Amino acid sequence: EMCIRDRSQPATRNALARLRAMFGDPLFVRRGSSMLPTPRAQQVAAHVRAGVGHLSAALGPGEGFDPATAERTFVIAAHDFAALTLLPGLMQRVRVEAPGVRVRVVKMGPGQPFAGLEHGTLDLVLGAAAGLPRGTSSETLAEVHYAVAVRAEHPRVKRRLTLRQYLELDHLLVAPFGGTQGAVDRALQVHGHRRRIALTVPDFLLAPHIIARTDMVVTLPRRVFELVHPGLGLRVFEPPVSVVGAPYACIWDERNSDEPAHAWLRGLVRRSVQT
């Protein structure tokens, strides 16, 4: 209507003629001194108004995120230790701030644990900030401090653990992403040493239970032993070599850095880990 009104009479007649030919309909009919739209013209106008509205929304500022009314599922990839450290505090906050939000945690299997971020099937990955691909962003949540454990009645390890004993024992390796080496092996290689890995498992929280019933030794983030140690009867030591691992981090696709819902979730994760 505005397009017709703003044109000169000849231009209006030409434009209307083209539209009538395009739609196979007169579109406007004269009633006295007025031009009234036909039903087909009204139908077309409704679609045009809707299209203009969608275009304005797309070009305007992005939609905000209101946790109190949001209905959404976030998918987080995390190994068992990260999930146990995070989920209790996170879910307490989600239930208070966003009762309609759901969280689904999936395990990170062998291979590339960050592919889901690029493909949009994952919102966050919680794990070691090492080997991050291009296009990802991360925020350190906690530094990792390692400890070594054997069972309390271990026949060879008593009040102290020497490097010689450590190298002579069979080791349990936790490899949530697969692989045959970890931070311990890199630390030993610096000093020209190697350890003998007798068993590899994918779960952190499984390892202390195995150690409690075997004569193997395991080196894990100290926080793992703090979560499970009292009931298992383990002896926990400082590592006989300095082990430096990548910090525990929240990792996401950089395309979501400024997305309001993702920013809210990352803030909740940050506050939950600090408790």
C-alpha atoms as a PDB file:
ATOM      1  CA  GLU A   1       0.000   0.000   0.000  1.00  0.00           C
ATOM      2  CA  MET A   2       2.789   2.381   0.940  1.00  0.00           C
ATOM      3  CA  CYS A   3       4.741   1.422  -2.183  1.00  0.00           C
ATOM      4  CA  ILE A   4       1.734   2.366  -4.332  1.00  0.00           C
ATOM      5  CA  ARG A   5       0.999   5.552  -2.440  1.00  0.00           C
ATOM      6  CA  ASP A   6       4.548   6.901  -2.720  1.00  0.00           C
ATOM      7  CA  ARG A   7       4.730   6.452  -6.506  1.00  0.00           C
ATOM      8  CA  SER A   8       3.555   8.798  -9.261  1.00  0.00           C
ATOM      9  CA  GLN A   9       0.322   7.851 -11.036  1.00  0.00           C
ATOM     10  CA  PRO A  10       2.000   6.357 -14.161  1.00  0.00           C
ATOM     11  CA  ALA A  11       4.485   4.427 -12.031  1.00  0.00           C
ATOM     12  CA  THR A  12       1.656   3.185  -9.806  1.00  0.00           C
ATOM     13  CA  ARG A  13      -0.355   1.975 -12.798  1.00  0.00           C
ATOM     14  CA  ASN A  14       2.670   0.171 -14.233  1.00  0.00           C
ATOM     15  CA  ALA A  15       3.540  -1.453 -10.889  1.00  0.00           C
ATOM     16  CA  LEU A  16      -0.053  -2.560 -10.318  1.00  0.00           C
ATOM     17  CA  ALA A  17      -0.213  -4.008 -13.837  1.00  0.00           C
ATOM     18  CA  ARG A  18       2.907  -6.073 -13.194  1.00  0.00           C
ATOM     19  CA  LEU A  19       1.549  -7.309  -9.854  1.00  0.00           C
ATOM     20  CA  ARG A  20      -1.803  -8.232 -11.430  1.00  0.00           C
ATOM     21  CA  ALA A  21       0.007 -10.245 -14.102  1.00  0.00           C
ATOM     22  CA  MET A  22       2.232 -11.909 -11.492  1.00  0.00           C
ATOM     23  CA  PHE A  23      -0.638 -12.978  -9.205  1.00  0.00           C
ATOM     24  CA  GLY A  24      -3.310 -13.490 -11.856  1.00  0.00           C
ATOM     25  CA  ASP A  25      -5.692 -11.336  -9.838  1.00  0.00           C
ATOM     26  CA  PRO A  26      -6.884  -7.702 -10.083  1.00  0.00           C
ATOM     27  CA  LEU A  27      -5.658  -7.165  -6.508  1.00  0.00           C
ATOM     28  CA  PHE A  28      -7.456  -3.782  -6.220  1.00  0.00           C
ATOM     29  CA  VAL A  29     -10.921  -2.809  -7.512  1.00  0.00           C
ATOM     30  CA  ARG A  30     -12.432   0.668  -7.636  1.00  0.00           C
ATOM     31  CA  ARG A  31     -15.344   1.518  -5.363  1.00  0.00           C
ATOM     32  CA  GLY A  32     -16.336   5.107  -5.966  1.00  0.00           C
ATOM     33  CA  SER A  33     -13.246   7.177  -5.297  1.00  0.00           C
ATOM     34  CA  SER A  34     -11.438   4.392  -3.418  1.00  0.00           C
ATOM     35  CA  MET A  35      -9.425   1.325  -4.438  1.00  0.00           C
ATOM     36  CA  LEU A  36     -10.308  -1.717  -2.305  1.00  0.00           C
ATOM     37  CA  PRO A  37      -8.095  -4.819  -2.014  1.00  0.00           C
ATOM     38  CA  THR A  38      -9.396  -8.158  -3.219  1.00  0.00           C
ATOM     39  CA  PRO A  39      -9.244 -11.230  -0.921  1.00  0.00           C
ATOM     40  CA  ARG A  40      -6.101 -12.325  -2.796  1.00  0.00           C
ATOM     41  CA  ALA A  41      -4.464  -8.944  -2.149  1.00  0.00           C
ATOM     42  CA  GLN A  42      -5.310  -9.208   1.560  1.00  0.00           C
ATOM     43  CA  GLN A  43      -3.793 -12.684   1.684  1.00  0.00           C
ATOM     44  CA  VAL A  44      -0.596 -11.517   0.002  1.00  0.00           C
ATOM     45  CA  ALA A  45      -0.375  -8.503   2.313  1.00  0.00           C
ATOM     46  CA  ALA A  46      -0.599 -10.724   5.408  1.00  0.00           C
ATOM     47  CA  HIS A  47       2.346 -12.819   4.204  1.00  0.00           C
ATOM     48  CA  VAL A  48       4.362  -9.726   3.304  1.00  0.00           C
ATOM     49  CA  ARG A  49       3.761  -8.180   6.752  1.00  0.00           C
ATOM     50  CA  ALA A  50       4.858 -11.432   8.411  1.00  0.00           C
ATOM     51  CA  GLY A  51       7.984 -11.584   6.242  1.00  0.00           C
ATOM     52  CA  VAL A  52       8.917  -7.998   7.034  1.00  0.00           C
ATOM     53  CA  GLY A  53       8.430  -8.731  10.718  1.00  0.00           C
ATOM     54  CA  HIS A  54      10.750 -11.761  10.591  1.00  0.00           C
ATOM     55  CA  LEU A  55      13.361  -9.760   8.677  1.00  0.00           C
ATOM     56  CA  SER A  56      13.205  -6.921  11.217  1.00  0.00           C
ATOM     57  CA  ALA A  57      13.654  -9.407  14.053  1.00  0.00           C
ATOM     58  CA  ALA A  58      16.632 -11.013  12.305  1.00  0.00           C
ATOM     59  CA  LEU A  59      18.324  -7.658  11.698  1.00  0.00           C
ATOM     60  CA  GLY A  60      17.493  -6.245  15.114  1.00  0.00           C
ATOM     61  CA  PRO A  61      19.132  -7.020  18.489  1.00  0.00           C
ATOM     62  CA  GLY A  62      19.255 -10.696  19.482  1.00  0.00           C
ATOM     63  CA  GLU A  63      16.755 -12.226  21.824  1.00  0.00           C
ATOM     64  CA  GLY A  64      17.652 -12.178  25.485  1.00  0.00           C
ATOM     65  CA  PHE A  65      17.587 -15.143  27.841  1.00  0.00           C
ATOM     66  CA  ASP A  66      15.337 -15.204  30.885  1.00  0.00           C
ATOM     67  CA  PRO A  67      16.317 -18.184  33.068  1.00  0.00           C
ATOM     68  CA  ALA A  68      13.088 -17.974  35.067  1.00  0.00           C
ATOM     69  CA  THR A  69      10.936 -18.700  32.003  1.00  0.00           C
ATOM     70  CA  ALA A  70      13.364 -20.599  29.740  1.00  0.00           C
ATOM     71  CA  GLU A  71      12.486 -24.070  28.488  1.00  0.00           C
ATOM     72  CA  ARG A  72      15.743 -25.539  27.228  1.00  0.00           C
ATOM     73  CA  THR A  73      18.067 -28.534  27.469  1.00  0.00           C
ATOM     74  CA  PHE A  74      21.824 -28.001  27.758  1.00  0.00           C
ATOM     75  CA  VAL A  75      24.153 -30.868  26.843  1.00  0.00           C
ATOM     76  CA  ILE A  76      27.489 -31.090  28.669  1.00  0.00           C
ATOM     77  CA  ALA A  77      30.271 -33.596  27.994  1.00  0.00           C
ATOM     78  CA  ALA A  78      32.251 -34.548  31.081  1.00  0.00           C
ATOM     79  CA  HIS A  79      34.086 -37.515  32.543  1.00  0.00           C
ATOM     80  CA  ASP A  80      32.801 -38.963  35.814  1.00  0.00           C
ATOM     81  CA  PHE A  81      35.121 -36.991  38.105  1.00  0.00           C
ATOM     82  CA  ALA A  82      34.229 -33.654  36.510  1.00  0.00           C
ATOM     83  CA  ALA A  83      30.530 -34.506  36.653  1.00  0.00           C
ATOM     84  CA  LEU A  84      30.661 -35.418  40.348  1.00  0.00           C
ATOM     85  CA  THR A  85      32.601 -32.247  41.139  1.00  0.00           C
ATOM     86  CA  LEU A  86      30.196 -30.010  39.245  1.00  0.00           C
ATOM     87  CA  LEU A  87      26.675 -31.416  39.143  1.00  0.00           C
ATOM     88  CA  PRO A  88      25.529 -31.149  42.776  1.00  0.00           C
ATOM     89  CA  GLY A  89      26.193 -27.412  42.962  1.00  0.00           C
ATOM     90  CA  LEU A  90      25.122 -26.763  39.372  1.00  0.00           C
ATOM     91  CA  MET A  91      21.747 -28.480  39.686  1.00  0.00           C
ATOM     92  CA  GLN A  92      20.958 -26.711  42.957  1.00  0.00           C
ATOM     93  CA  ARG A  93      21.386 -23.389  41.179  1.00  0.00           C
ATOM     94  CA  VAL A  94      19.515 -24.475  38.046  1.00  0.00           C
ATOM     95  CA  ARG A  95      16.481 -25.551  40.057  1.00  0.00           C
ATOM     96  CA  VAL A  96      16.360 -22.162  41.813  1.00  0.00           C
ATOM     97  CA  GLU A  97      17.147 -19.876  38.862  1.00  0.00           C
ATOM     98  CA  ALA A  98      15.706 -21.814  35.920  1.00  0.00           C
ATOM     99  CA  PRO A  99      13.175 -24.528  36.840  1.00  0.00           C
ATOM    100  CA  GLY A 100      12.374 -25.132  33.164  1.00  0.00           C
ATOM    101  CA  VAL A 101      15.995 -25.812  32.187  1.00  0.00           C
ATOM    102  CA  ARG A 102      17.223 -29.394  31.875  1.00  0.00           C
ATOM    103  CA  VAL A 103      20.830 -30.612  31.823  1.00  0.00           C
ATOM    104  CA  ARG A 104      22.030 -33.753  30.032  1.00  0.00           C
ATOM    105  CA  VAL A 105      25.557 -35.000  30.721  1.00  0.00           C
ATOM    106  CA  VAL A 106      27.235 -37.314  28.229  1.00  0.00           C
ATOM    107  CA  LYS A 107      30.571 -39.098  28.457  1.00  0.00           C
ATOM    108  CA  MET A 108      33.505 -38.160  26.289  1.00  0.00           C
ATOM    109  CA  GLY A 109      34.604 -41.291  24.485  1.00  0.00           C
ATOM    110  CA  PRO A 110      37.911 -41.991  22.737  1.00  0.00           C
ATOM    111  CA  GLY A 111      38.893 -39.742  19.872  1.00  0.00           C
ATOM    112  CA  GLN A 112      38.056 -36.079  19.481  1.00  0.00           C
ATOM    113  CA  PRO A 113      36.027 -34.943  22.485  1.00  0.00           C
ATOM    114  CA  PHE A 114      35.424 -31.463  21.088  1.00  0.00           C
ATOM    115  CA  ALA A 115      33.763 -32.346  17.783  1.00  0.00           C
ATOM    116  CA  GLY A 116      30.311 -31.988  19.337  1.00  0.00           C
ATOM    117  CA  LEU A 117      31.001 -28.325  20.067  1.00  0.00           C
ATOM    118  CA  GLU A 118      31.653 -27.613  16.398  1.00  0.00           C
ATOM    119  CA  HIS A 119      28.627 -29.631  15.278  1.00  0.00           C
ATOM    120  CA  GLY A 120      26.314 -27.976  17.802  1.00  0.00           C
ATOM    121  CA  THR A 121      25.416 -31.210  19.631  1.00  0.00           C
ATOM    122  CA  LEU A 122      27.307 -30.114  22.755  1.00  0.00           C
ATOM    123  CA  ASP A 123      27.028 -26.865  24.675  1.00  0.00           C
ATOM    124  CA  LEU A 124      30.038 -27.336  26.958  1.00  0.00           C
ATOM    125  CA  VAL A 125      32.925 -29.709  27.569  1.00  0.00           C
ATOM    126  CA  LEU A 126      34.376 -30.002  31.062  1.00  0.00           C
ATOM    127  CA  GLY A 127      37.870 -31.412  31.163  1.00  0.00           C
ATOM    128  CA  ALA A 128      41.558 -30.737  30.708  1.00  0.00           C
ATOM    129  CA  ALA A 129      42.325 -27.634  28.673  1.00  0.00           C
ATOM    130  CA  ALA A 130      44.906 -29.396  26.525  1.00  0.00           C
ATOM    131  CA  GLY A 131      45.057 -29.832  22.774  1.00  0.00           C
ATOM    132  CA  LEU A 132      42.096 -27.528  22.173  1.00  0.00           C
ATOM    133  CA  PRO A 133      41.223 -27.158  18.476  1.00  0.00           C
ATOM    134  CA  ARG A 134      40.862 -23.814  16.740  1.00  0.00           C
ATOM    135  CA  GLY A 135      37.459 -22.239  17.215  1.00  0.00           C
ATOM    136  CA  THR A 136      37.115 -23.167  20.879  1.00  0.00           C
ATOM    137  CA  SER A 137      37.324 -20.953  23.954  1.00  0.00           C
ATOM    138  CA  SER A 138      38.035 -22.037  27.508  1.00  0.00           C
ATOM    139  CA  GLU A 139      37.969 -20.788  31.071  1.00  0.00           C
ATOM    140  CA  THR A 140      40.091 -22.370  33.785  1.00  0.00           C
ATOM    141  CA  LEU A 141      37.979 -23.652  36.661  1.00  0.00           C
ATOM    142  CA  ALA A 142      40.663 -25.210  38.870  1.00  0.00           C
ATOM    143  CA  GLU A 143      44.290 -26.224  38.810  1.00  0.00           C
ATOM    144  CA  VAL A 144      44.954 -29.958  39.076  1.00  0.00           C
ATOM    145  CA  HIS A 145      47.142 -31.269  41.917  1.00  0.00           C
ATOM    146  CA  TYR A 146      48.106 -34.917  41.778  1.00  0.00           C
ATOM    147  CA  ALA A 147      48.455 -37.593  44.462  1.00  0.00           C
ATOM    148  CA  VAL A 148      49.432 -41.264  44.478  1.00  0.00           C
ATOM    149  CA  ALA A 149      47.527 -44.040  46.228  1.00  0.00           C
ATOM    150  CA  VAL A 150      47.981 -47.697  47.134  1.00  0.00           C
ATOM    151  CA  ARG A 151      45.887 -49.917  49.388  1.00  0.00           C
ATOM    152  CA  ALA A 152      46.489 -49.558  53.118  1.00  0.00           C
ATOM    153  CA  GLU A 153      47.748 -53.147  53.467  1.00  0.00           C
ATOM    154  CA  HIS A 154      50.087 -52.970  50.498  1.00  0.00           C
ATOM    155  CA  PRO A 155      52.927 -55.463  51.063  1.00  0.00           C
ATOM    156  CA  ARG A 156      55.688 -53.208  49.726  1.00  0.00           C
ATOM    157  CA  VAL A 157      54.604 -49.629  50.463  1.00  0.00           C
ATOM    158  CA  LYS A 158      54.395 -48.569  54.093  1.00  0.00           C
ATOM    159  CA  ARG A 159      54.911 -45.060  55.450  1.00  0.00           C
ATOM    160  CA  ARG A 160      56.662 -43.603  52.430  1.00  0.00           C
ATOM    161  CA  LEU A 161      56.768 -44.155  48.686  1.00  0.00           C
ATOM    162  CA  THR A 162      60.140 -43.897  46.982  1.00  0.00           C
ATOM    163  CA  LEU A 163      60.693 -43.307  43.288  1.00  0.00           C
ATOM    164  CA  ARG A 164      62.252 -46.774  43.042  1.00  0.00           C
ATOM    165  CA  GLN A 165      59.150 -48.411  44.521  1.00  0.00           C
ATOM    166  CA  TYR A 166      56.936 -46.291  42.313  1.00  0.00           C
ATOM    167  CA  LEU A 167      58.719 -47.455  39.160  1.00  0.00           C
ATOM    168  CA  GLU A 168      58.746 -51.113  40.225  1.00  0.00           C
ATOM    169  CA  LEU A 169      54.995 -51.299  40.901  1.00  0.00           C
ATOM    170  CA  ASP A 170      52.292 -52.031  38.376  1.00  0.00           C
ATOM    171  CA  HIS A 171      50.362 -48.870  37.504  1.00  0.00           C
ATOM    172  CA  LEU A 172      46.720 -48.197  36.775  1.00  0.00           C
ATOM    173  CA  LEU A 173      46.150 -45.520  34.128  1.00  0.00           C
ATOM    174  CA  VAL A 174      42.911 -43.566  33.826  1.00  0.00           C
ATOM    175  CA  ALA A 175      42.410 -42.478  30.217  1.00  0.00           C
ATOM    176  CA  PRO A 176      38.943 -40.995  29.674  1.00  0.00           C
ATOM    177  CA  PHE A 177      39.803 -40.155  26.044  1.00  0.00           C
ATOM    178  CA  GLY A 178      41.708 -43.348  25.337  1.00  0.00           C
ATOM    179  CA  GLY A 179      45.456 -43.420  24.809  1.00  0.00           C
ATOM    180  CA  THR A 180      48.303 -45.204  26.549  1.00  0.00           C
ATOM    181  CA  GLN A 181      50.076 -42.364  28.352  1.00  0.00           C
ATOM    182  CA  GLY A 182      49.281 -39.437  30.613  1.00  0.00           C
ATOM    183  CA  ALA A 183      50.854 -36.567  32.550  1.00  0.00           C
ATOM    184  CA  VAL A 184      52.791 -39.016  34.760  1.00  0.00           C
ATOM    185  CA  ASP A 185      54.524 -40.602  31.778  1.00  0.00           C
ATOM    186  CA  ARG A 186      55.560 -37.183  30.458  1.00  0.00           C
ATOM    187  CA  ALA A 187      56.978 -36.264  33.868  1.00  0.00           C
ATOM    188  CA  LEU A 188      58.923 -39.519  34.122  1.00  0.00           C
ATOM    189  CA  GLN A 189      60.326 -39.185  30.605  1.00  0.00           C
ATOM    190  CA  VAL A 190      61.944 -35.863  31.571  1.00  0.00           C
ATOM    191  CA  HIS A 191      64.093 -37.832  34.044  1.00  0.00           C
ATOM    192  CA  GLY A 192      64.656 -40.789  31.735  1.00  0.00           C
ATOM    193  CA  HIS A 193      62.208 -43.119  33.510  1.00  0.00           C
ATOM    194  CA  ARG A 194      59.305 -45.233  32.366  1.00  0.00           C
ATOM    195  CA  ARG A 195      56.542 -46.931  34.342  1.00  0.00           C
ATOM    196  CA  ARG A 196      54.763 -50.210  33.704  1.00  0.00           C
ATOM    197  CA  ILE A 197      51.046 -49.719  33.041  1.00  0.00           C
ATOM    198  CA  ALA A 198      49.225 -52.954  33.836  1.00  0.00           C
ATOM    199  CA  LEU A 199      45.631 -51.728  33.523  1.00  0.00           C
ATOM    200  CA  THR A 200      43.902 -48.838  31.737  1.00  0.00           C
ATOM    201  CA  VAL A 201      40.349 -47.766  32.597  1.00  0.00           C
ATOM    202  CA  PRO A 202      38.172 -44.875  31.333  1.00  0.00           C
ATOM    203  CA  ASP A 203      36.700 -43.699  34.660  1.00  0.00           C
ATOM    204  CA  PHE A 204      38.411 -41.787  37.470  1.00  0.00           C
ATOM    205  CA  LEU A 205      36.068 -42.904  40.239  1.00  0.00           C
ATOM    206  CA  LEU A 206      36.494 -46.572  39.328  1.00  0.00           C
ATOM    207  CA  ALA A 207      40.256 -46.468  39.852  1.00  0.00           C
ATOM    208  CA  PRO A 208      40.408 -46.089  43.683  1.00  0.00           C
ATOM    209  CA  HIS A 209      38.090 -49.085  44.116  1.00  0.00           C
ATOM    210  CA  ILE A 210      40.419 -51.229  42.014  1.00  0.00           C
ATOM    211  CA  ILE A 211      43.487 -49.978  43.869  1.00  0.00           C
ATOM    212  CA  ALA A 212      41.859 -50.845  47.218  1.00  0.00           C
ATOM    213  CA  ARG A 213      41.715 -54.518  46.153  1.00  0.00           C
ATOM    214  CA  THR A 214      45.009 -54.939  44.268  1.00  0.00           C
ATOM    215  CA  ASP A 215      48.711 -54.219  44.690  1.00  0.00           C
ATOM    216  CA  MET A 216      48.792 -51.658  41.885  1.00  0.00           C
ATOM    217  CA  VAL A 217      49.444 -47.940  42.277  1.00  0.00           C
ATOM    218  CA  VAL A 218      47.521 -45.055  40.733  1.00  0.00           C
ATOM    219  CA  THR A 219      48.259 -41.345  40.261  1.00  0.00           C
ATOM    220  CA  LEU A 220      45.167 -39.129  40.035  1.00  0.00           C
ATOM    221  CA  PRO A 221      43.990 -35.612  40.830  1.00  0.00           C
ATOM    222  CA  ARG A 222      44.023 -35.391  44.632  1.00  0.00           C
ATOM    223  CA  ARG A 223      40.372 -34.343  44.634  1.00  0.00           C
ATOM    224  CA  VAL A 224      39.405 -37.850  43.456  1.00  0.00           C
ATOM    225  CA  PHE A 225      40.813 -39.368  46.644  1.00  0.00           C
ATOM    226  CA  GLU A 226      39.128 -36.710  48.764  1.00  0.00           C
ATOM    227  CA  LEU A 227      35.793 -37.823  47.326  1.00  0.00           C
ATOM    228  CA  VAL A 228      36.213 -41.588  47.807  1.00  0.00           C
ATOM    229  CA  HIS A 229      39.182 -42.238  50.141  1.00  0.00           C
ATOM    230  CA  PRO A 230      37.715 -42.514  53.685  1.00  0.00           C
ATOM    231  CA  GLY A 231      35.677 -45.657  53.064  1.00  0.00           C
ATOM    232  CA  LEU A 232      38.286 -47.468  50.983  1.00  0.00           C
ATOM    233  CA  GLY A 233      41.313 -47.520  53.260  1.00  0.00           C
ATOM    234  CA  LEU A 234      43.970 -46.118  50.950  1.00  0.00           C
ATOM    235  CA  ARG A 235      47.419 -44.736  51.617  1.00  0.00           C
ATOM    236  CA  VAL A 236      47.808 -41.427  49.783  1.00  0.00           C
ATOM    237  CA  PHE A 237      51.226 -39.886  49.005  1.00  0.00           C
ATOM    238  CA  GLU A 238      52.749 -36.991  47.149  1.00  0.00           C
ATOM    239  CA  PRO A 239      54.059 -38.146  43.747  1.00  0.00           C
ATOM    240  CA  PRO A 240      57.788 -39.012  43.807  1.00  0.00           C
ATOM    241  CA  VAL A 241      58.171 -36.847  40.670  1.00  0.00           C
ATOM    242  CA  SER A 242      56.613 -33.483  39.922  1.00  0.00           C
ATOM    243  CA  VAL A 243      53.509 -34.079  37.791  1.00  0.00           C
ATOM    244  CA  VAL A 244      51.990 -31.087  36.007  1.00  0.00           C
ATOM    245  CA  GLY A 245      48.690 -31.583  34.246  1.00  0.00           C
ATOM    246  CA  ALA A 246      46.509 -29.262  32.212  1.00  0.00           C
ATOM    247  CA  PRO A 247      44.045 -27.254  34.314  1.00  0.00           C
ATOM    248  CA  TYR A 248      40.437 -28.337  34.650  1.00  0.00           C
ATOM    249  CA  ALA A 249      38.418 -26.053  32.363  1.00  0.00           C
ATOM    250  CA  CYS A 250      35.066 -25.187  30.870  1.00  0.00           C
ATOM    251  CA  ILE A 251      35.348 -25.353  27.068  1.00  0.00           C
ATOM    252  CA  TRP A 252      32.907 -24.119  24.423  1.00  0.00           C
ATOM    253  CA  ASP A 253      32.655 -23.146  20.758  1.00  0.00           C
ATOM    254  CA  GLU A 254      33.691 -19.510  20.366  1.00  0.00           C
ATOM    255  CA  ARG A 255      30.549 -18.854  18.293  1.00  0.00           C
ATOM    256  CA  ASN A 256      28.590 -19.097  21.541  1.00  0.00           C
ATOM    257  CA  SER A 257      30.794 -16.733  23.543  1.00  0.00           C
ATOM    258  CA  ASP A 258      28.266 -13.879  23.450  1.00  0.00           C
ATOM    259  CA  GLU A 259      25.086 -15.972  23.303  1.00  0.00           C
ATOM    260  CA  PRO A 260      23.058 -15.037  26.426  1.00  0.00           C
ATOM    261  CA  ALA A 261      21.970 -18.581  27.339  1.00  0.00           C
ATOM    262  CA  HIS A 262      25.506 -19.930  27.067  1.00  0.00           C
ATOM    263  CA  ALA A 263      26.936 -17.037  29.054  1.00  0.00           C
ATOM    264  CA  TRP A 264      24.395 -17.748  31.803  1.00  0.00           C
ATOM    265  CA  LEU A 265      25.283 -21.455  31.855  1.00  0.00           C
ATOM    266  CA  ARG A 266      29.019 -20.779  32.008  1.00  0.00           C
ATOM    267  CA  GLY A 267      28.482 -18.412  34.906  1.00  0.00           C
ATOM    268  CA  LEU A 268      26.561 -21.108  36.751  1.00  0.00           C
ATOM    269  CA  VAL A 269      29.319 -23.644  36.098  1.00  0.00           C
ATOM    270  CA  ARG A 270      31.933 -21.224  37.390  1.00  0.00           C
ATOM    271  CA  ARG A 271      30.030 -20.597  40.621  1.00  0.00           C
ATOM    272  CA  SER A 272      29.287 -24.295  41.131  1.00  0.00           C
ATOM    273  CA  VAL A 273      32.898 -25.435  40.857  1.00  0.00           C
ATOM    274  CA  GLN A 274      34.085 -22.810  43.323  1.00  0.00           C
ATOM    275  CA  THR A 275      31.883 -24.178  46.127  1.00  0.00           C
END
